[in-house]
Amino acid sequence: MNIYAIRAIYQFELARFFRTLFQSIASPVISTSLYFIVFGSAIGSRMTEIDGTSYGAFIVPGLIMLSVLTESISNASFGIYMPKYSGTIYEVLSAPVSPFEIVTGYVGAAATKSIILGAIILATARLFVDFTILHPLWMAIFLILTSLTFSLFGFIIGIWADGFEKLQIIPMMIITPLTFLGGSFYSIHMLPPFWQKLTLFNPIVYLVSGFRWSFYGVSDVGVTLSLTMISFFLCLCLLTVWLLFKTGYKIKN
């Protein structure tokens, strides 16, 4: 394994992250603060508790997942798309660097950025509402798995996209709506029976539910099922990335 190549890609991507701190950190934190003001204060005054947890605290895991999902996809897709756009991807492909090392560098950097952002939003949430974390180790595991999985998904989008507009279409038109409809701001048990069953086809439900369980010990679906779904999606993304490099789809041509 070429550790130097992985470190070079990883450090380059992190350096870009720190050069754009306002866009990378300040903007998501401000957006999250606005969610707390609107949902936590306005709606929370009418909806006091869900599953024994105050509404303001209940939405904390959902807000963190919302930011982590979107930032993981954005960071990873932009990170691999820019070398394609500028033509420097051919320098990486011609270097003695394996596809595994390329993916590890780009995806590792994107996941690291998302984990940092998640930790910052967690600290920001403490300014607005009191909450507990019953299972901190499982919270970290869910956060890392989600960041890695959706960074891989973003990497796939970055390879597939042939224009800047395509980098945004899936996060804006698919991921964000699925996150809002995936129990980020409510429990799916509050829905009518038909919509409860339909919501189970939304993969984001399992991410948010498992992550919320690590905070309060309550979940809409079983924790084992949540971990299984995350692991399945992770393996699916890994398989897709392997096929992309094996066939050279939009990488070598």
C-alpha atoms as a PDB file:
ATOM      1  CA  MET A   1       0.000   0.000   0.000  1.00  0.00           C
ATOM      2  CA  ASN A   2       1.319   3.417  -1.006  1.00  0.00           C
ATOM      3  CA  ILE A   3       0.856   5.320   2.255  1.00  0.00           C
ATOM      4  CA  TYR A   4       2.531   8.430   0.849  1.00  0.00           C
ATOM      5  CA  ALA A   5       0.021   8.673  -2.011  1.00  0.00           C
ATOM      6  CA  ILE A   6      -2.938   8.265   0.338  1.00  0.00           C
ATOM      7  CA  ARG A   7      -1.533  10.886   2.682  1.00  0.00           C
ATOM      8  CA  ALA A   8      -0.879  13.320  -0.183  1.00  0.00           C
ATOM      9  CA  ILE A   9      -4.457  13.089  -1.488  1.00  0.00           C
ATOM     10  CA  TYR A  10      -5.882  13.175   2.027  1.00  0.00           C
ATOM     11  CA  GLN A  11      -3.886  16.235   3.092  1.00  0.00           C
ATOM     12  CA  PHE A  12      -4.630  18.071  -0.161  1.00  0.00           C
ATOM     13  CA  GLU A  13      -8.370  17.593   0.303  1.00  0.00           C
ATOM     14  CA  LEU A  14      -8.244  18.631   3.956  1.00  0.00           C
ATOM     15  CA  ALA A  15      -6.226  21.734   3.020  1.00  0.00           C
ATOM     16  CA  ARG A  16      -9.012  22.731   0.625  1.00  0.00           C
ATOM     17  CA  PHE A  17     -11.476  22.241   3.464  1.00  0.00           C
ATOM     18  CA  PHE A  18      -9.594  24.605   5.777  1.00  0.00           C
ATOM     19  CA  ARG A  19      -9.184  27.198   3.019  1.00  0.00           C
ATOM     20  CA  THR A  20     -12.971  27.447   2.760  1.00  0.00           C
ATOM     21  CA  LEU A  21     -13.901  27.339   6.437  1.00  0.00           C
ATOM     22  CA  PHE A  22     -16.885  29.670   6.111  1.00  0.00           C
ATOM     23  CA  GLN A  23     -18.502  27.605   3.383  1.00  0.00           C
ATOM     24  CA  SER A  24     -17.494  24.285   4.952  1.00  0.00           C
ATOM     25  CA  ILE A  25     -18.355  24.925   8.602  1.00  0.00           C
ATOM     26  CA  ALA A  26     -19.978  28.287   9.266  1.00  0.00           C
ATOM     27  CA  SER A  27     -22.722  27.889   6.668  1.00  0.00           C
ATOM     28  CA  PRO A  28     -23.980  24.454   7.902  1.00  0.00           C
ATOM     29  CA  VAL A  29     -23.771  25.583  11.528  1.00  0.00           C
ATOM     30  CA  ILE A  30     -25.817  28.723  10.799  1.00  0.00           C
ATOM     31  CA  SER A  31     -28.381  26.645   8.900  1.00  0.00           C
ATOM     32  CA  THR A  32     -28.617  24.191  11.804  1.00  0.00           C
ATOM     33  CA  SER A  33     -29.070  27.058  14.264  1.00  0.00           C
ATOM     34  CA  LEU A  34     -31.963  28.341  12.175  1.00  0.00           C
ATOM     35  CA  TYR A  35     -33.530  24.869  12.247  1.00  0.00           C
ATOM     36  CA  PHE A  36     -33.348  24.917  16.040  1.00  0.00           C
ATOM     37  CA  ILE A  37     -34.942  28.350  16.181  1.00  0.00           C
ATOM     38  CA  VAL A  38     -37.750  27.455  13.776  1.00  0.00           C
ATOM     39  CA  PHE A  39     -38.425  23.830  14.693  1.00  0.00           C
ATOM     40  CA  GLY A  40     -37.176  23.754  18.275  1.00  0.00           C
ATOM     41  CA  SER A  41     -38.817  26.965  19.434  1.00  0.00           C
ATOM     42  CA  ALA A  42     -41.830  27.488  17.186  1.00  0.00           C
ATOM     43  CA  ILE A  43     -42.954  23.883  16.762  1.00  0.00           C
ATOM     44  CA  GLY A  44     -41.452  22.707  20.051  1.00  0.00           C
ATOM     45  CA  SER A  45     -43.723  25.067  21.960  1.00  0.00           C
ATOM     46  CA  ARG A  46     -46.720  23.168  20.568  1.00  0.00           C
ATOM     47  CA  MET A  47     -45.193  19.680  20.552  1.00  0.00           C
ATOM     48  CA  THR A  48     -43.640  19.172  23.973  1.00  0.00           C
ATOM     49  CA  GLU A  49     -42.399  15.569  23.923  1.00  0.00           C
ATOM     50  CA  ILE A  50     -41.908  12.612  21.582  1.00  0.00           C
ATOM     51  CA  ASP A  51     -41.221   9.192  23.126  1.00  0.00           C
ATOM     52  CA  GLY A  52     -40.446  10.847  26.445  1.00  0.00           C
ATOM     53  CA  THR A  53     -37.903  13.267  24.958  1.00  0.00           C
ATOM     54  CA  SER A  54     -38.392  17.003  24.566  1.00  0.00           C
ATOM     55  CA  TYR A  55     -38.961  17.961  20.945  1.00  0.00           C
ATOM     56  CA  GLY A  56     -35.899  20.219  20.832  1.00  0.00           C
ATOM     57  CA  ALA A  57     -33.667  17.359  21.965  1.00  0.00           C
ATOM     58  CA  PHE A  58     -35.496  14.847  19.765  1.00  0.00           C
ATOM     59  CA  ILE A  59     -34.506  16.641  16.533  1.00  0.00           C
ATOM     60  CA  VAL A  60     -30.790  16.886  17.412  1.00  0.00           C
ATOM     61  CA  PRO A  61     -29.809  13.503  15.855  1.00  0.00           C
ATOM     62  CA  GLY A  62     -31.922  14.249  12.771  1.00  0.00           C
ATOM     63  CA  LEU A  63     -30.279  17.625  12.241  1.00  0.00           C
ATOM     64  CA  ILE A  64     -26.812  16.115  12.598  1.00  0.00           C
ATOM     65  CA  MET A  65     -27.683  13.390  10.095  1.00  0.00           C
ATOM     66  CA  LEU A  66     -29.104  15.957   7.677  1.00  0.00           C
ATOM     67  CA  SER A  67     -25.846  17.923   7.706  1.00  0.00           C
ATOM     68  CA  VAL A  68     -23.560  14.878   7.662  1.00  0.00           C
ATOM     69  CA  LEU A  69     -25.373  13.262   4.724  1.00  0.00           C
ATOM     70  CA  THR A  70     -25.366  16.375   2.553  1.00  0.00           C
ATOM     71  CA  GLU A  71     -21.801  17.395   3.411  1.00  0.00           C
ATOM     72  CA  SER A  72     -20.417  13.868   2.882  1.00  0.00           C
ATOM     73  CA  ILE A  73     -21.909  13.739  -0.594  1.00  0.00           C
ATOM     74  CA  SER A  74     -20.900  17.307  -1.441  1.00  0.00           C
ATOM     75  CA  ASN A  75     -17.294  17.002  -0.248  1.00  0.00           C
ATOM     76  CA  ALA A  76     -16.618  13.653  -1.903  1.00  0.00           C
ATOM     77  CA  SER A  77     -18.340  14.458  -5.213  1.00  0.00           C
ATOM     78  CA  PHE A  78     -16.617  17.839  -5.581  1.00  0.00           C
ATOM     79  CA  GLY A  79     -13.272  16.359  -4.521  1.00  0.00           C
ATOM     80  CA  ILE A  80     -13.163  13.825  -7.377  1.00  0.00           C
ATOM     81  CA  TYR A  81     -15.036  15.947  -9.921  1.00  0.00           C
ATOM     82  CA  MET A  82     -12.550  18.838  -9.890  1.00  0.00           C
ATOM     83  CA  PRO A  83      -9.593  16.667 -11.038  1.00  0.00           C
ATOM     84  CA  LYS A  84     -11.830  15.367 -13.834  1.00  0.00           C
ATOM     85  CA  TYR A  85     -12.899  18.886 -14.760  1.00  0.00           C
ATOM     86  CA  SER A  86      -9.347  20.278 -14.755  1.00  0.00           C
ATOM     87  CA  GLY A  87      -7.782  17.192 -16.357  1.00  0.00           C
ATOM     88  CA  THR A  88      -5.434  16.448 -13.455  1.00  0.00           C
ATOM     89  CA  ILE A  89      -7.177  13.111 -12.892  1.00  0.00           C
ATOM     90  CA  TYR A  90      -4.919  11.652 -15.589  1.00  0.00           C
ATOM     91  CA  GLU A  91      -1.859  12.521 -13.528  1.00  0.00           C
ATOM     92  CA  VAL A  92      -3.330  10.571 -10.623  1.00  0.00           C
ATOM     93  CA  LEU A  93      -4.277   7.622 -12.833  1.00  0.00           C
ATOM     94  CA  SER A  94      -0.821   7.478 -14.459  1.00  0.00           C
ATOM     95  CA  ALA A  95       0.960   7.601 -11.095  1.00  0.00           C
ATOM     96  CA  PRO A  96       1.854   4.371  -9.262  1.00  0.00           C
ATOM     97  CA  VAL A  97      -1.316   4.646  -7.184  1.00  0.00           C
ATOM     98  CA  SER A  98      -3.949   1.915  -7.038  1.00  0.00           C
ATOM     99  CA  PRO A  99      -7.709   2.591  -7.209  1.00  0.00           C
ATOM    100  CA  PHE A 100      -7.957   1.512  -3.568  1.00  0.00           C
ATOM    101  CA  GLU A 101      -5.440   4.176  -2.542  1.00  0.00           C
ATOM    102  CA  ILE A 102      -7.190   6.858  -4.613  1.00  0.00           C
ATOM    103  CA  VAL A 103     -10.564   6.051  -3.066  1.00  0.00           C
ATOM    104  CA  THR A 104      -9.072   5.852   0.434  1.00  0.00           C
ATOM    105  CA  GLY A 105      -7.523   9.311   0.087  1.00  0.00           C
ATOM    106  CA  TYR A 106     -10.558  11.094  -1.338  1.00  0.00           C
ATOM    107  CA  VAL A 107     -13.243   9.299   0.651  1.00  0.00           C
ATOM    108  CA  GLY A 108     -11.218   9.366   3.870  1.00  0.00           C
ATOM    109  CA  ALA A 109     -10.813  13.138   3.606  1.00  0.00           C
ATOM    110  CA  ALA A 110     -14.513  13.679   2.836  1.00  0.00           C
ATOM    111  CA  ALA A 111     -15.576  11.457   5.742  1.00  0.00           C
ATOM    112  CA  THR A 112     -13.182  13.270   8.095  1.00  0.00           C
ATOM    113  CA  LYS A 113     -14.703  16.628   7.122  1.00  0.00           C
ATOM    114  CA  SER A 114     -18.207  15.295   7.780  1.00  0.00           C
ATOM    115  CA  ILE A 115     -17.244  13.861  11.167  1.00  0.00           C
ATOM    116  CA  ILE A 116     -15.682  17.194  12.182  1.00  0.00           C
ATOM    117  CA  LEU A 117     -18.820  19.002  11.054  1.00  0.00           C
ATOM    118  CA  GLY A 118     -21.036  16.548  12.945  1.00  0.00           C
ATOM    119  CA  ALA A 119     -19.034  17.138  16.135  1.00  0.00           C
ATOM    120  CA  ILE A 120     -19.295  20.922  15.702  1.00  0.00           C
ATOM    121  CA  ILE A 121     -23.061  20.758  15.164  1.00  0.00           C
ATOM    122  CA  LEU A 122     -23.354  18.502  18.222  1.00  0.00           C
ATOM    123  CA  ALA A 123     -21.560  21.169  20.287  1.00  0.00           C
ATOM    124  CA  THR A 124     -23.728  23.898  18.718  1.00  0.00           C
ATOM    125  CA  ALA A 125     -26.893  21.993  19.619  1.00  0.00           C
ATOM    126  CA  ARG A 126     -25.845  22.096  23.270  1.00  0.00           C
ATOM    127  CA  LEU A 127     -26.241  25.881  23.151  1.00  0.00           C
ATOM    128  CA  PHE A 128     -29.939  25.514  22.294  1.00  0.00           C
ATOM    129  CA  VAL A 129     -31.124  22.437  24.150  1.00  0.00           C
ATOM    130  CA  ASP A 130     -30.061  19.959  26.829  1.00  0.00           C
ATOM    131  CA  PHE A 131     -29.702  16.358  25.719  1.00  0.00           C
ATOM    132  CA  THR A 132     -28.015  13.149  26.766  1.00  0.00           C
ATOM    133  CA  ILE A 133     -26.035  10.528  24.858  1.00  0.00           C
ATOM    134  CA  LEU A 134     -26.766   7.114  26.353  1.00  0.00           C
ATOM    135  CA  HIS A 135     -24.453   5.195  24.023  1.00  0.00           C
ATOM    136  CA  PRO A 136     -21.552   7.480  22.970  1.00  0.00           C
ATOM    137  CA  LEU A 137     -19.570   4.616  21.415  1.00  0.00           C
ATOM    138  CA  TRP A 138     -22.495   3.579  19.211  1.00  0.00           C
ATOM    139  CA  MET A 139     -23.102   7.218  18.337  1.00  0.00           C
ATOM    140  CA  ALA A 140     -19.517   7.455  17.065  1.00  0.00           C
ATOM    141  CA  ILE A 141     -19.914   4.179  15.133  1.00  0.00           C
ATOM    142  CA  PHE A 142     -23.120   5.357  13.443  1.00  0.00           C
ATOM    143  CA  LEU A 143     -21.530   8.728  12.637  1.00  0.00           C
ATOM    144  CA  ILE A 144     -18.404   7.161  11.121  1.00  0.00           C
ATOM    145  CA  LEU A 145     -20.315   4.530   9.138  1.00  0.00           C
ATOM    146  CA  THR A 146     -22.744   7.119   7.769  1.00  0.00           C
ATOM    147  CA  SER A 147     -19.915   9.508   6.832  1.00  0.00           C
ATOM    148  CA  LEU A 148     -17.958   6.773   5.057  1.00  0.00           C
ATOM    149  CA  THR A 149     -21.000   5.374   3.257  1.00  0.00           C
ATOM    150  CA  PHE A 150     -22.269   8.666   1.902  1.00  0.00           C
ATOM    151  CA  SER A 151     -18.765   9.882   1.086  1.00  0.00           C
ATOM    152  CA  LEU A 152     -18.479   6.794  -1.118  1.00  0.00           C
ATOM    153  CA  PHE A 153     -21.878   7.631  -2.585  1.00  0.00           C
ATOM    154  CA  GLY A 154     -20.693  11.175  -3.254  1.00  0.00           C
ATOM    155  CA  PHE A 155     -17.535   9.805  -4.881  1.00  0.00           C
ATOM    156  CA  ILE A 156     -19.748   7.820  -7.263  1.00  0.00           C
ATOM    157  CA  ILE A 157     -21.774  10.945  -8.065  1.00  0.00           C
ATOM    158  CA  GLY A 158     -18.566  12.890  -8.739  1.00  0.00           C
ATOM    159  CA  ILE A 159     -17.424  10.284 -11.248  1.00  0.00           C
ATOM    160  CA  TRP A 160     -20.851  10.088 -12.887  1.00  0.00           C
ATOM    161  CA  ALA A 161     -21.370  13.855 -13.154  1.00  0.00           C
ATOM    162  CA  ASP A 162     -20.239  15.638 -16.302  1.00  0.00           C
ATOM    163  CA  GLY A 163     -21.331  19.106 -15.151  1.00  0.00           C
ATOM    164  CA  PHE A 164     -21.627  21.139 -11.970  1.00  0.00           C
ATOM    165  CA  GLU A 165     -25.408  20.971 -12.083  1.00  0.00           C
ATOM    166  CA  LYS A 166     -25.300  17.161 -11.843  1.00  0.00           C
ATOM    167  CA  LEU A 167     -23.271  17.412  -8.637  1.00  0.00           C
ATOM    168  CA  GLN A 168     -26.260  19.098  -6.976  1.00  0.00           C
ATOM    169  CA  ILE A 169     -29.233  17.341  -8.511  1.00  0.00           C
ATOM    170  CA  ILE A 170     -29.107  14.124  -6.448  1.00  0.00           C
ATOM    171  CA  PRO A 171     -28.380  15.786  -3.055  1.00  0.00           C
ATOM    172  CA  MET A 172     -31.024  18.475  -3.625  1.00  0.00           C
ATOM    173  CA  MET A 173     -33.723  16.459  -5.393  1.00  0.00           C
ATOM    174  CA  ILE A 174     -33.331  13.077  -3.690  1.00  0.00           C
ATOM    175  CA  ILE A 175     -31.205  13.020  -0.517  1.00  0.00           C
ATOM    176  CA  THR A 176     -32.553  16.150   1.191  1.00  0.00           C
ATOM    177  CA  PRO A 177     -36.262  15.246   0.626  1.00  0.00           C
ATOM    178  CA  LEU A 178     -35.611  11.677   1.803  1.00  0.00           C
ATOM    179  CA  THR A 179     -33.930  13.041   4.935  1.00  0.00           C
ATOM    180  CA  PHE A 180     -36.865  15.315   5.744  1.00  0.00           C
ATOM    181  CA  LEU A 181     -39.259  12.406   5.159  1.00  0.00           C
ATOM    182  CA  GLY A 182     -37.062   9.950   7.059  1.00  0.00           C
ATOM    183  CA  GLY A 183     -38.059  10.877  10.600  1.00  0.00           C
ATOM    184  CA  SER A 184     -35.485  13.626  11.156  1.00  0.00           C
ATOM    185  CA  PHE A 185     -38.063  15.934  12.759  1.00  0.00           C
ATOM    186  CA  TYR A 186     -40.696  13.443  13.888  1.00  0.00           C
ATOM    187  CA  SER A 187     -41.248   9.814  14.773  1.00  0.00           C
ATOM    188  CA  ILE A 188     -42.662   7.708  11.964  1.00  0.00           C
ATOM    189  CA  HIS A 189     -45.040   6.194  14.544  1.00  0.00           C
ATOM    190  CA  MET A 190     -46.896   9.514  14.408  1.00  0.00           C
ATOM    191  CA  LEU A 191     -47.888   8.749  10.793  1.00  0.00           C
ATOM    192  CA  PRO A 192     -50.982   6.802   9.671  1.00  0.00           C
ATOM    193  CA  PRO A 193     -50.361   3.029   9.278  1.00  0.00           C
ATOM    194  CA  PHE A 194     -50.133   3.171   5.470  1.00  0.00           C
ATOM    195  CA  TRP A 195     -47.515   5.931   5.513  1.00  0.00           C
ATOM    196  CA  GLN A 196     -45.575   4.157   8.252  1.00  0.00           C
ATOM    197  CA  LYS A 197     -45.162   1.130   6.011  1.00  0.00           C
ATOM    198  CA  LEU A 198     -44.320   3.276   2.991  1.00  0.00           C
ATOM    199  CA  THR A 199     -41.693   5.197   4.969  1.00  0.00           C
ATOM    200  CA  LEU A 200     -39.836   1.950   5.692  1.00  0.00           C
ATOM    201  CA  PHE A 201     -38.736   1.949   2.035  1.00  0.00           C
ATOM    202  CA  ASN A 202     -36.819   5.161   2.758  1.00  0.00           C
ATOM    203  CA  PRO A 203     -33.214   4.150   3.632  1.00  0.00           C
ATOM    204  CA  ILE A 204     -32.646   7.366   5.583  1.00  0.00           C
ATOM    205  CA  VAL A 205     -35.146   6.156   8.196  1.00  0.00           C
ATOM    206  CA  TYR A 206     -32.697   3.470   9.330  1.00  0.00           C
ATOM    207  CA  LEU A 207     -29.801   5.914   9.604  1.00  0.00           C
ATOM    208  CA  VAL A 208     -31.715   8.499  11.624  1.00  0.00           C
ATOM    209  CA  SER A 209     -33.426   5.881  13.784  1.00  0.00           C
ATOM    210  CA  GLY A 210     -30.195   4.109  14.720  1.00  0.00           C
ATOM    211  CA  PHE A 211     -28.414   7.389  15.399  1.00  0.00           C
ATOM    212  CA  ARG A 212     -31.290   8.618  17.605  1.00  0.00           C
ATOM    213  CA  TRP A 213     -31.216   5.353  19.537  1.00  0.00           C
ATOM    214  CA  SER A 214     -27.583   6.024  20.483  1.00  0.00           C
ATOM    215  CA  PHE A 215     -28.761   9.284  22.085  1.00  0.00           C
ATOM    216  CA  TYR A 216     -31.997   8.375  23.865  1.00  0.00           C
ATOM    217  CA  GLY A 217     -32.427   4.612  23.626  1.00  0.00           C
ATOM    218  CA  VAL A 218     -35.569   4.945  21.463  1.00  0.00           C
ATOM    219  CA  SER A 219     -35.874   4.181  17.760  1.00  0.00           C
ATOM    220  CA  ASP A 220     -38.482   3.760  15.057  1.00  0.00           C
ATOM    221  CA  VAL A 221     -36.884   0.540  13.778  1.00  0.00           C
ATOM    222  CA  GLY A 222     -34.625  -2.047  15.396  1.00  0.00           C
ATOM    223  CA  VAL A 223     -30.990  -1.091  15.956  1.00  0.00           C
ATOM    224  CA  THR A 224     -29.774  -4.341  14.396  1.00  0.00           C
ATOM    225  CA  LEU A 225     -31.830  -3.595  11.291  1.00  0.00           C
ATOM    226  CA  SER A 226     -30.380  -0.079  11.162  1.00  0.00           C
ATOM    227  CA  LEU A 227     -26.804  -1.400  11.268  1.00  0.00           C
ATOM    228  CA  THR A 228     -27.652  -4.032   8.670  1.00  0.00           C
ATOM    229  CA  MET A 229     -29.046  -1.432   6.262  1.00  0.00           C
ATOM    230  CA  ILE A 230     -26.044   0.877   6.699  1.00  0.00           C
ATOM    231  CA  SER A 231     -23.643  -2.027   6.146  1.00  0.00           C
ATOM    232  CA  PHE A 232     -25.582  -3.131   3.065  1.00  0.00           C
ATOM    233  CA  PHE A 233     -25.477   0.342   1.532  1.00  0.00           C
ATOM    234  CA  LEU A 234     -21.757   0.614   2.350  1.00  0.00           C
ATOM    235  CA  CYS A 235     -21.029  -2.694   0.594  1.00  0.00           C
ATOM    236  CA  LEU A 236     -23.183  -1.627  -2.374  1.00  0.00           C
ATOM    237  CA  CYS A 237     -21.201   1.622  -2.722  1.00  0.00           C
ATOM    238  CA  LEU A 238     -17.889  -0.256  -2.472  1.00  0.00           C
ATOM    239  CA  LEU A 239     -19.006  -2.655  -5.195  1.00  0.00           C
ATOM    240  CA  THR A 240     -20.091   0.228  -7.425  1.00  0.00           C
ATOM    241  CA  VAL A 241     -16.767   2.051  -6.991  1.00  0.00           C
ATOM    242  CA  TRP A 242     -14.881  -1.163  -7.815  1.00  0.00           C
ATOM    243  CA  LEU A 243     -16.923  -1.596 -11.001  1.00  0.00           C
ATOM    244  CA  LEU A 244     -16.326   2.043 -12.002  1.00  0.00           C
ATOM    245  CA  PHE A 245     -12.547   1.648 -11.786  1.00  0.00           C
ATOM    246  CA  LYS A 246     -12.618  -1.799 -13.374  1.00  0.00           C
ATOM    247  CA  THR A 247     -14.553  -0.559 -16.409  1.00  0.00           C
ATOM    248  CA  GLY A 248     -13.038   2.941 -16.457  1.00  0.00           C
ATOM    249  CA  TYR A 249     -16.507   4.480 -16.715  1.00  0.00           C
ATOM    250  CA  LYS A 250     -16.078   8.266 -17.073  1.00  0.00           C
ATOM    251  CA  ILE A 251     -12.607   7.965 -15.566  1.00  0.00           C
ATOM    252  CA  LYS A 252     -10.372   6.839 -18.402  1.00  0.00           C
ATOM    253  CA  ASN A 253     -12.435   8.336 -21.206  1.00  0.00           C
END
